[in-house]
Amino acid sequence: MALTITDACINCDVCEPECPNDAISAGEEIYEIDPAKCTECVGHFDKPQCQIVCPVDCIPNDPRHVETRELLEAKYRALTALQKLA
C-alpha cells in the first residue's frame, strides 16, 4: 500500500530527497505523498526510506491505498519505464 504523511509532520525536509520515485512533495501545510508514485521503495530498497529518516515517525501505511507487493512491483516497473522515456 502507499504511504501517507500525517499532520504530526514537522516539515523537516528530510523525507523528500530520500524518495526514489519523487512521490513526496511540499503540500500547503505539510509534506504529501502521491499514492500513484509511492511504491514503498519496492524495486529500490528493502524498506521505505522516508520512514527510516523521519524523526517524528509520521509516515504510516495509507489505508485508503491498499496494494499488494505484486502491485507495488508493477507500479515500480511502470514508473521506471516512464523515466526511461523522459
C-alpha atoms as a PDB file:
ATOM      1  CA  MET A   1       0.000   0.000   0.000  1.00  0.00           C
ATOM      2  CA  ALA A   2       1.110   3.553  -0.483  1.00  0.00           C
ATOM      3  CA  LEU A   3       2.320   5.575   2.458  1.00  0.00           C
ATOM      4  CA  THR A   4       0.883   8.808   3.803  1.00  0.00           C
ATOM      5  CA  ILE A   5       2.190  11.659   5.925  1.00  0.00           C
ATOM      6  CA  THR A   6       0.144  12.583   8.987  1.00  0.00           C
ATOM      7  CA  ASP A   7      -0.393  16.004  10.491  1.00  0.00           C
ATOM      8  CA  ALA A   8       2.358  15.177  13.002  1.00  0.00           C
ATOM      9  CA  CYS A   9       4.790  16.186  10.212  1.00  0.00           C
ATOM     10  CA  ILE A  10       7.163  18.952  11.306  1.00  0.00           C
ATOM     11  CA  ASN A  11       8.229  19.890   7.751  1.00  0.00           C
ATOM     12  CA  CYS A  12      11.830  18.953   8.453  1.00  0.00           C
ATOM     13  CA  ASP A  13      12.514  18.324   4.734  1.00  0.00           C
ATOM     14  CA  VAL A  14      14.387  15.030   5.217  1.00  0.00           C
ATOM     15  CA  CYS A  15      11.887  12.702   3.523  1.00  0.00           C
ATOM     16  CA  GLU A  16      11.503  14.404   0.153  1.00  0.00           C
ATOM     17  CA  PRO A  17      15.058  13.867  -1.155  1.00  0.00           C
ATOM     18  CA  GLU A  18      15.034  10.237   0.015  1.00  0.00           C
ATOM     19  CA  CYS A  19      12.116   9.199  -2.198  1.00  0.00           C
ATOM     20  CA  PRO A  20      13.431   7.410  -5.317  1.00  0.00           C
ATOM     21  CA  ASN A  21      10.093   7.910  -7.113  1.00  0.00           C
ATOM     22  CA  ASP A  22       9.692  11.635  -6.427  1.00  0.00           C
ATOM     23  CA  ALA A  23       6.396  10.827  -4.712  1.00  0.00           C
ATOM     24  CA  ILE A  24       6.923  13.280  -1.842  1.00  0.00           C
ATOM     25  CA  SER A  25       6.376  16.997  -2.224  1.00  0.00           C
ATOM     26  CA  ALA A  26       5.602  20.019  -0.081  1.00  0.00           C
ATOM     27  CA  GLY A  27       1.888  20.470   0.419  1.00  0.00           C
ATOM     28  CA  GLU A  28       0.064  23.527   1.674  1.00  0.00           C
ATOM     29  CA  GLU A  29       0.721  22.705   5.331  1.00  0.00           C
ATOM     30  CA  ILE A  30       2.792  19.512   5.450  1.00  0.00           C
ATOM     31  CA  TYR A  31       4.581  17.221   3.039  1.00  0.00           C
ATOM     32  CA  GLU A  32       2.392  14.921   0.961  1.00  0.00           C
ATOM     33  CA  ILE A  33       2.870  11.580  -0.763  1.00  0.00           C
ATOM     34  CA  ASP A  34       1.405  10.955  -4.213  1.00  0.00           C
ATOM     35  CA  PRO A  35      -0.058   7.437  -3.947  1.00  0.00           C
ATOM     36  CA  ALA A  36       0.272   6.989  -7.716  1.00  0.00           C
ATOM     37  CA  LYS A  37       4.063   7.265  -7.355  1.00  0.00           C
ATOM     38  CA  CYS A  38       4.615   5.625  -3.958  1.00  0.00           C
ATOM     39  CA  THR A  39       5.901   2.046  -4.132  1.00  0.00           C
ATOM     40  CA  GLU A  40       7.100   1.913  -0.509  1.00  0.00           C
ATOM     41  CA  CYS A  41      10.547   1.858  -2.172  1.00  0.00           C
ATOM     42  CA  VAL A  42       9.815  -1.575  -3.679  1.00  0.00           C
ATOM     43  CA  GLY A  43      12.260  -2.017  -6.538  1.00  0.00           C
ATOM     44  CA  HIS A  44      14.749   0.379  -4.980  1.00  0.00           C
ATOM     45  CA  PHE A  45      15.248  -0.537  -1.313  1.00  0.00           C
ATOM     46  CA  ASP A  46      14.171  -3.156   1.231  1.00  0.00           C
ATOM     47  CA  LYS A  47      12.385  -0.592   3.412  1.00  0.00           C
ATOM     48  CA  PRO A  48      10.695   2.756   2.756  1.00  0.00           C
ATOM     49  CA  GLN A  49      13.455   5.332   3.039  1.00  0.00           C
ATOM     50  CA  CYS A  50      11.129   8.134   4.122  1.00  0.00           C
ATOM     51  CA  GLN A  51      10.032   6.106   7.144  1.00  0.00           C
ATOM     52  CA  ILE A  52      13.651   5.412   8.078  1.00  0.00           C
ATOM     53  CA  VAL A  53      14.704   9.073   8.077  1.00  0.00           C
ATOM     54  CA  CYS A  54      11.534  10.598   9.574  1.00  0.00           C
ATOM     55  CA  PRO A  55      12.409  11.947  13.033  1.00  0.00           C
ATOM     56  CA  VAL A  56       8.785  12.033  14.249  1.00  0.00           C
ATOM     57  CA  ASP A  57       7.530   8.718  12.827  1.00  0.00           C
ATOM     58  CA  CYS A  58       4.626  10.319  10.929  1.00  0.00           C
ATOM     59  CA  ILE A  59       4.655   8.197   7.750  1.00  0.00           C
ATOM     60  CA  PRO A  60       2.341   5.189   8.177  1.00  0.00           C
ATOM     61  CA  ASN A  61       0.727   2.957   5.570  1.00  0.00           C
ATOM     62  CA  ASP A  62      -2.211   4.642   3.878  1.00  0.00           C
ATOM     63  CA  PRO A  63      -5.335   2.513   4.421  1.00  0.00           C
ATOM     64  CA  ARG A  64      -7.021   4.368   1.526  1.00  0.00           C
ATOM     65  CA  HIS A  65      -4.499   2.869  -0.929  1.00  0.00           C
ATOM     66  CA  VAL A  66      -4.095  -0.821  -0.155  1.00  0.00           C
ATOM     67  CA  GLU A  67      -1.733  -2.593  -2.578  1.00  0.00           C
ATOM     68  CA  THR A  68      -0.038  -5.979  -2.580  1.00  0.00           C
ATOM     69  CA  ARG A  69       3.690  -6.377  -3.090  1.00  0.00           C
ATOM     70  CA  GLU A  70       2.938  -7.529  -6.631  1.00  0.00           C
ATOM     71  CA  LEU A  71       1.017  -4.327  -7.366  1.00  0.00           C
ATOM     72  CA  LEU A  72       3.831  -2.221  -5.879  1.00  0.00           C
ATOM     73  CA  GLU A  73       6.343  -4.058  -8.096  1.00  0.00           C
ATOM     74  CA  ALA A  74       4.171  -3.451 -11.161  1.00  0.00           C
ATOM     75  CA  LYS A  75       3.892   0.242 -10.254  1.00  0.00           C
ATOM     76  CA  TYR A  76       7.692   0.383  -9.863  1.00  0.00           C
ATOM     77  CA  ARG A  77       8.186  -1.154 -13.315  1.00  0.00           C
ATOM     78  CA  ALA A  78       5.710   1.297 -14.875  1.00  0.00           C
ATOM     79  CA  LEU A  79       7.321   4.313 -13.186  1.00  0.00           C
ATOM     80  CA  THR A  80      10.847   3.318 -14.203  1.00  0.00           C
ATOM     81  CA  ALA A  81       9.688   2.700 -17.781  1.00  0.00           C
ATOM     82  CA  LEU A  82       8.245   6.234 -17.870  1.00  0.00           C
ATOM     83  CA  GLN A  83      11.504   7.670 -16.501  1.00  0.00           C
ATOM     84  CA  LYS A  84      13.449   5.962 -19.297  1.00  0.00           C
ATOM     85  CA  LEU A  85      11.174   7.559 -21.903  1.00  0.00           C
ATOM     86  CA  ALA A  86      11.616  11.048 -20.468  1.00  0.00           C
END
